[in-house]
Amino acid sequence: MSEREQLEALCAWDGVEAAKLWARRAANLYRVSISDPTHYASQSDWKPLLDQSIRELEVFSETGVIP
C-alpha cells in the first residue's frame, strides 16, 4: 500500500489528526532508516524514493492535505 493510500485509509478510519500523527512517525522512521548505512533504505536506488516519501509525509503532517 502506498503512503497516499495509507493516508486516505487512515483519514477515513481514524480522522485527519490520527493520520497526521502517523505521517510524522513514518517520516521519522524513514529518516532513521536512510541515515543507517547498513539499512537498504540508505542505498542509492532506495534513498531518493524514501526522501520523496519523507517530503510528502511531512507536507501532510503539517497541512492535512494529501499531496
PDB file of N, CA and C in Angstrom:
ATOM      1  N   MET A   1       0.855  -1.176   0.000  1.00  0.00           N
ATOM      2  CA  MET A   1       0.000   0.000   0.000  1.00  0.00           C
ATOM      3  C   MET A   1       0.901   1.238   0.000  1.00  0.00           C
ATOM      4  N   SER A   2       0.619   2.184  -0.865  1.00  0.00           N
ATOM      5  CA  SER A   2       1.410   3.408  -0.934  1.00  0.00           C
ATOM      6  C   SER A   2       1.080   4.325   0.244  1.00  0.00           C
ATOM      7  N   GLU A   3       1.938   5.303   0.473  1.00  0.00           N
ATOM      8  CA  GLU A   3       1.670   6.256   1.543  1.00  0.00           C
ATOM      9  C   GLU A   3       0.358   6.993   1.292  1.00  0.00           C
ATOM     10  N   ARG A   4       0.102   7.339   0.038  1.00  0.00           N
ATOM     11  CA  ARG A   4      -1.141   8.041  -0.303  1.00  0.00           C
ATOM     12  C   ARG A   4      -2.353   7.191   0.086  1.00  0.00           C
ATOM     13  N   GLU A   5      -2.327   5.918  -0.287  1.00  0.00           N
ATOM     14  CA  GLU A   5      -3.431   5.015   0.056  1.00  0.00           C
ATOM     15  C   GLU A   5      -3.555   4.861   1.567  1.00  0.00           C
ATOM     16  N   GLN A   6      -2.417   4.752   2.234  1.00  0.00           N
ATOM     17  CA  GLN A   6      -2.426   4.609   3.684  1.00  0.00           C
ATOM     18  C   GLN A   6      -3.028   5.846   4.340  1.00  0.00           C
ATOM     19  N   LEU A   7      -2.634   7.023   3.878  1.00  0.00           N
ATOM     20  CA  LEU A   7      -3.166   8.266   4.441  1.00  0.00           C
ATOM     21  C   LEU A   7      -4.665   8.391   4.189  1.00  0.00           C
ATOM     22  N   GLU A   8      -5.096   8.042   2.990  1.00  0.00           N
ATOM     23  CA  GLU A   8      -6.531   8.085   2.685  1.00  0.00           C
ATOM     24  C   GLU A   8      -7.311   7.153   3.600  1.00  0.00           C
ATOM     25  N   ALA A   9      -6.789   5.953   3.797  1.00  0.00           N
ATOM     26  CA  ALA A   9      -7.458   4.984   4.661  1.00  0.00           C
ATOM     27  C   ALA A   9      -7.474   5.462   6.107  1.00  0.00           C
ATOM     28  N   LEU A  10      -6.341   5.963   6.584  1.00  0.00           N
ATOM     29  CA  LEU A  10      -6.279   6.444   7.966  1.00  0.00           C
ATOM     30  C   LEU A  10      -7.219   7.624   8.193  1.00  0.00           C
ATOM     31  N   CYS A  11      -7.285   8.530   7.231  1.00  0.00           N
ATOM     32  CA  CYS A  11      -8.209   9.670   7.348  1.00  0.00           C
ATOM     33  C   CYS A  11      -9.650   9.169   7.449  1.00  0.00           C
ATOM     34  N   ALA A  12      -9.990   8.186   6.637  1.00  0.00           N
ATOM     35  CA  ALA A  12     -11.353   7.654   6.645  1.00  0.00           C
ATOM     36  C   ALA A  12     -11.665   6.910   7.943  1.00  0.00           C
ATOM     37  N   TRP A  13     -10.715   6.130   8.416  1.00  0.00           N
ATOM     38  CA  TRP A  13     -10.956   5.302   9.601  1.00  0.00           C
ATOM     39  C   TRP A  13     -10.821   6.065  10.910  1.00  0.00           C
ATOM     40  N   ASP A  14      -9.731   6.821  11.033  1.00  0.00           N
ATOM     41  CA  ASP A  14      -9.382   7.410  12.328  1.00  0.00           C
ATOM     42  C   ASP A  14      -9.396   8.930  12.359  1.00  0.00           C
ATOM     43  N   GLY A  15      -9.541   9.563  11.220  1.00  0.00           N
ATOM     44  CA  GLY A  15      -9.564  11.018  11.155  1.00  0.00           C
ATOM     45  C   GLY A  15      -8.220  11.593  10.749  1.00  0.00           C
ATOM     46  N   VAL A  16      -8.270  12.855  10.361  1.00  0.00           N
ATOM     47  CA  VAL A  16      -7.082  13.535   9.842  1.00  0.00           C
ATOM     48  C   VAL A  16      -5.996  13.662  10.904  1.00  0.00           C
ATOM     49  N   GLU A  17      -6.354  13.982  12.132  1.00  0.00           N
ATOM     50  CA  GLU A  17      -5.324  14.172  13.168  1.00  0.00           C
ATOM     51  C   GLU A  17      -4.542  12.897  13.427  1.00  0.00           C
ATOM     52  N   ALA A  18      -5.212  11.761  13.463  1.00  0.00           N
ATOM     53  CA  ALA A  18      -4.514  10.484  13.644  1.00  0.00           C
ATOM     54  C   ALA A  18      -3.621  10.191  12.451  1.00  0.00           C
ATOM     55  N   ALA A  19      -4.097  10.507  11.253  1.00  0.00           N
ATOM     56  CA  ALA A  19      -3.294  10.294  10.050  1.00  0.00           C
ATOM     57  C   ALA A  19      -2.072  11.208  10.043  1.00  0.00           C
ATOM     58  N   LYS A  20      -2.228  12.432  10.519  1.00  0.00           N
ATOM     59  CA  LYS A  20      -1.088  13.356  10.606  1.00  0.00           C
ATOM     60  C   LYS A  20      -0.042  12.820  11.578  1.00  0.00           C
ATOM     61  N   LEU A  21      -0.479  12.277  12.683  1.00  0.00           N
ATOM     62  CA  LEU A  21       0.448  11.688  13.652  1.00  0.00           C
ATOM     63  C   LEU A  21       1.186  10.504  13.028  1.00  0.00           C
ATOM     64  N   TRP A  22       0.462   9.637  12.329  1.00  0.00           N
ATOM     65  CA  TRP A  22       1.093   8.503  11.652  1.00  0.00           C
ATOM     66  C   TRP A  22       2.116   8.992  10.644  1.00  0.00           C
ATOM     67  N   ALA A  23       1.783  10.038   9.896  1.00  0.00           N
ATOM     68  CA  ALA A  23       2.691  10.576   8.878  1.00  0.00           C
ATOM     69  C   ALA A  23       3.985  11.082   9.516  1.00  0.00           C
ATOM     70  N   ARG A  24       3.884  11.777  10.642  1.00  0.00           N
ATOM     71  CA  ARG A  24       5.090  12.257  11.340  1.00  0.00           C
ATOM     72  C   ARG A  24       5.955  11.090  11.792  1.00  0.00           C
ATOM     73  N   ARG A  25       5.319  10.078  12.350  1.00  0.00           N
ATOM     74  CA  ARG A  25       6.069   8.908  12.821  1.00  0.00           C
ATOM     75  C   ARG A  25       6.720   8.160  11.662  1.00  0.00           C
ATOM     76  N   ALA A  26       5.986   7.969  10.592  1.00  0.00           N
ATOM     77  CA  ALA A  26       6.536   7.263   9.427  1.00  0.00           C
ATOM     78  C   ALA A  26       7.706   8.036   8.833  1.00  0.00           C
ATOM     79  N   ALA A  27       7.576   9.352   8.708  1.00  0.00           N
ATOM     80  CA  ALA A  27       8.671  10.171   8.168  1.00  0.00           C
ATOM     81  C   ALA A  27       9.906  10.038   9.045  1.00  0.00           C
ATOM     82  N   ASN A  28       9.720  10.041  10.356  1.00  0.00           N
ATOM     83  CA  ASN A  28      10.865   9.888  11.264  1.00  0.00           C
ATOM     84  C   ASN A  28      11.518   8.515  11.109  1.00  0.00           C
ATOM     85  N   LEU A  29      10.714   7.476  10.975  1.00  0.00           N
ATOM     86  CA  LEU A  29      11.273   6.129  10.777  1.00  0.00           C
ATOM     87  C   LEU A  29      12.038   6.046   9.460  1.00  0.00           C
ATOM     88  N   TYR A  30      11.492   6.626   8.417  1.00  0.00           N
ATOM     89  CA  TYR A  30      12.189   6.633   7.127  1.00  0.00           C
ATOM     90  C   TYR A  30      13.503   7.392   7.238  1.00  0.00           C
ATOM     91  N   ARG A  31      13.473   8.509   7.941  1.00  0.00           N
ATOM     92  CA  ARG A  31      14.689   9.326   8.107  1.00  0.00           C
ATOM     93  C   ARG A  31      15.782   8.525   8.832  1.00  0.00           C
ATOM     94  N   VAL A  32      15.405   7.811   9.876  1.00  0.00           N
ATOM     95  CA  VAL A  32      16.357   6.976  10.605  1.00  0.00           C
ATOM     96  C   VAL A  32      16.905   5.878   9.693  1.00  0.00           C
ATOM     97  N   SER A  33      16.029   5.279   8.913  1.00  0.00           N
ATOM     98  CA  SER A  33      16.444   4.189   8.025  1.00  0.00           C
ATOM     99  C   SER A  33      17.450   4.650   6.979  1.00  0.00           C
ATOM    100  N   ILE A  34      17.212   5.810   6.373  1.00  0.00           N
ATOM    101  CA  ILE A  34      18.135   6.252   5.329  1.00  0.00           C
ATOM    102  C   ILE A  34      19.451   6.756   5.898  1.00  0.00           C
ATOM    103  N   SER A  35      19.476   7.074   7.180  1.00  0.00           N
ATOM    104  CA  SER A  35      20.739   7.527   7.778  1.00  0.00           C
ATOM    105  C   SER A  35      21.608   6.371   8.263  1.00  0.00           C
ATOM    106  N   ASP A  36      21.074   5.166   8.242  1.00  0.00           N
ATOM    107  CA  ASP A  36      21.813   3.969   8.670  1.00  0.00           C
ATOM    108  C   ASP A  36      22.456   3.319   7.448  1.00  0.00           C
ATOM    109  N   PRO A  37      23.778   3.363   7.336  1.00  0.00           N
ATOM    110  CA  PRO A  37      24.437   2.829   6.146  1.00  0.00           C
ATOM    111  C   PRO A  37      24.242   1.325   5.947  1.00  0.00           C
ATOM    112  N   THR A  38      23.833   0.600   6.981  1.00  0.00           N
ATOM    113  CA  THR A  38      23.600  -0.838   6.832  1.00  0.00           C
ATOM    114  C   THR A  38      22.172  -1.156   6.411  1.00  0.00           C
ATOM    115  N   HIS A  39      21.315  -0.174   6.392  1.00  0.00           N
ATOM    116  CA  HIS A  39      19.913  -0.389   6.021  1.00  0.00           C
ATOM    117  C   HIS A  39      19.751  -0.214   4.512  1.00  0.00           C
ATOM    118  N   TYR A  40      18.936  -1.070   3.904  1.00  0.00           N
ATOM    119  CA  TYR A  40      18.745  -0.985   2.451  1.00  0.00           C
ATOM    120  C   TYR A  40      18.220   0.383   2.014  1.00  0.00           C
ATOM    121  N   ALA A  41      17.519   1.070   2.901  1.00  0.00           N
ATOM    122  CA  ALA A  41      16.947   2.375   2.555  1.00  0.00           C
ATOM    123  C   ALA A  41      18.011   3.426   2.273  1.00  0.00           C
ATOM    124  N   SER A  42      19.222   3.205   2.745  1.00  0.00           N
ATOM    125  CA  SER A  42      20.295   4.177   2.519  1.00  0.00           C
ATOM    126  C   SER A  42      20.994   3.960   1.176  1.00  0.00           C
ATOM    127  N   GLN A  43      20.656   2.877   0.481  1.00  0.00           N
ATOM    128  CA  GLN A  43      21.295   2.569  -0.796  1.00  0.00           C
ATOM    129  C   GLN A  43      20.802   3.514  -1.890  1.00  0.00           C
ATOM    130  N   SER A  44      21.639   3.727  -2.886  1.00  0.00           N
ATOM    131  CA  SER A  44      21.362   4.745  -3.908  1.00  0.00           C
ATOM    132  C   SER A  44      20.070   4.506  -4.688  1.00  0.00           C
ATOM    133  N   ASP A  45      19.627   3.269  -4.811  1.00  0.00           N
ATOM    134  CA  ASP A  45      18.394   3.031  -5.550  1.00  0.00           C
ATOM    135  C   ASP A  45      17.137   3.238  -4.703  1.00  0.00           C
ATOM    136  N   TRP A  46      17.260   3.242  -3.382  1.00  0.00           N
ATOM    137  CA  TRP A  46      16.118   3.422  -2.482  1.00  0.00           C
ATOM    138  C   TRP A  46      16.042   4.807  -1.866  1.00  0.00           C
ATOM    139  N   LYS A  47      17.181   5.398  -1.572  1.00  0.00           N
ATOM    140  CA  LYS A  47      17.201   6.661  -0.837  1.00  0.00           C
ATOM    141  C   LYS A  47      16.370   7.765  -1.492  1.00  0.00           C
ATOM    142  N   PRO A  48      16.469   7.988  -2.805  1.00  0.00           N
ATOM    143  CA  PRO A  48      15.652   9.049  -3.411  1.00  0.00           C
ATOM    144  C   PRO A  48      14.145   8.816  -3.258  1.00  0.00           C
ATOM    145  N   LEU A  49      13.733   7.557  -3.336  1.00  0.00           N
ATOM    146  CA  LEU A  49      12.315   7.239  -3.173  1.00  0.00           C
ATOM    147  C   LEU A  49      11.841   7.551  -1.762  1.00  0.00           C
ATOM    148  N   LEU A  50      12.656   7.196  -0.794  1.00  0.00           N
ATOM    149  CA  LEU A  50      12.282   7.458   0.591  1.00  0.00           C
ATOM    150  C   LEU A  50      12.381   8.944   0.925  1.00  0.00           C
ATOM    151  N   ASP A  51      13.337   9.648   0.340  1.00  0.00           N
ATOM    152  CA  ASP A  51      13.408  11.102   0.522  1.00  0.00           C
ATOM    153  C   ASP A  51      12.115  11.756   0.035  1.00  0.00           C
ATOM    154  N   GLN A  52      11.617  11.313  -1.110  1.00  0.00           N
ATOM    155  CA  GLN A  52      10.363  11.853  -1.647  1.00  0.00           C
ATOM    156  C   GLN A  52       9.198  11.528  -0.720  1.00  0.00           C
ATOM    157  N   SER A  53       9.161  10.304  -0.217  1.00  0.00           N
ATOM    158  CA  SER A  53       8.102   9.915   0.713  1.00  0.00           C
ATOM    159  C   SER A  53       8.153  10.761   1.975  1.00  0.00           C
ATOM    160  N   ILE A  54       9.348  10.999   2.482  1.00  0.00           N
ATOM    161  CA  ILE A  54       9.502  11.825   3.678  1.00  0.00           C
ATOM    162  C   ILE A  54       8.934  13.216   3.432  1.00  0.00           C
ATOM    163  N   ARG A  55       9.279  13.821   2.300  1.00  0.00           N
ATOM    164  CA  ARG A  55       8.765  15.164   1.980  1.00  0.00           C
ATOM    165  C   ARG A  55       7.239  15.166   1.914  1.00  0.00           C
ATOM    166  N   GLU A  56       6.663  14.168   1.267  1.00  0.00           N
ATOM    167  CA  GLU A  56       5.206  14.095   1.143  1.00  0.00           C
ATOM    168  C   GLU A  56       4.539  13.878   2.502  1.00  0.00           C
ATOM    169  N   LEU A  57       5.123  13.023   3.316  1.00  0.00           N
ATOM    170  CA  LEU A  57       4.559  12.779   4.645  1.00  0.00           C
ATOM    171  C   LEU A  57       4.656  14.028   5.521  1.00  0.00           C
ATOM    172  N   GLU A  58       5.754  14.755   5.398  1.00  0.00           N
ATOM    173  CA  GLU A  58       5.905  15.987   6.178  1.00  0.00           C
ATOM    174  C   GLU A  58       4.889  17.040   5.749  1.00  0.00           C
ATOM    175  N   VAL A  59       4.663  17.153   4.445  1.00  0.00           N
ATOM    176  CA  VAL A  59       3.644  18.102   3.957  1.00  0.00           C
ATOM    177  C   VAL A  59       2.286  17.732   4.540  1.00  0.00           C
ATOM    178  N   PHE A  60       1.939  16.456   4.470  1.00  0.00           N
ATOM    179  CA  PHE A  60       0.654  16.030   5.008  1.00  0.00           C
ATOM    180  C   PHE A  60       0.573  16.280   6.511  1.00  0.00           C
ATOM    181  N   SER A  61       1.624  15.968   7.243  1.00  0.00           N
ATOM    182  CA  SER A  61       1.578  16.124   8.698  1.00  0.00           C
ATOM    183  C   SER A  61       1.420  17.583   9.111  1.00  0.00           C
ATOM    184  N   GLU A  62       1.858  18.509   8.263  1.00  0.00           N
ATOM    185  CA  GLU A  62       1.723  19.927   8.561  1.00  0.00           C
ATOM    186  C   GLU A  62       0.390  20.505   8.069  1.00  0.00           C
ATOM    187  N   THR A  63      -0.103  19.998   6.949  1.00  0.00           N
ATOM    188  CA  THR A  63      -1.262  20.625   6.315  1.00  0.00           C
ATOM    189  C   THR A  63      -2.538  19.790   6.376  1.00  0.00           C
ATOM    190  N   GLY A  64      -2.393  18.481   6.484  1.00  0.00           N
ATOM    191  CA  GLY A  64      -3.550  17.603   6.413  1.00  0.00           C
ATOM    192  C   GLY A  64      -4.040  17.383   4.996  1.00  0.00           C
ATOM    193  N   VAL A  65      -3.267  17.853   4.022  1.00  0.00           N
ATOM    194  CA  VAL A  65      -3.616  17.695   2.605  1.00  0.00           C
ATOM    195  C   VAL A  65      -2.720  16.606   2.017  1.00  0.00           C
ATOM    196  N   ILE A  66      -3.339  15.631   1.399  1.00  0.00           N
ATOM    197  CA  ILE A  66      -2.583  14.543   0.781  1.00  0.00           C
ATOM    198  C   ILE A  66      -1.986  15.051  -0.516  1.00  0.00           C
ATOM    199  N   PRO A  67      -0.647  15.042  -0.619  1.00  0.00           N
ATOM    200  CA  PRO A  67      -0.010  15.561  -1.838  1.00  0.00           C
ATOM    201  C   PRO A  67      -0.229  14.675  -3.050  1.00  0.00           C
TER     202      PRO A  67
END
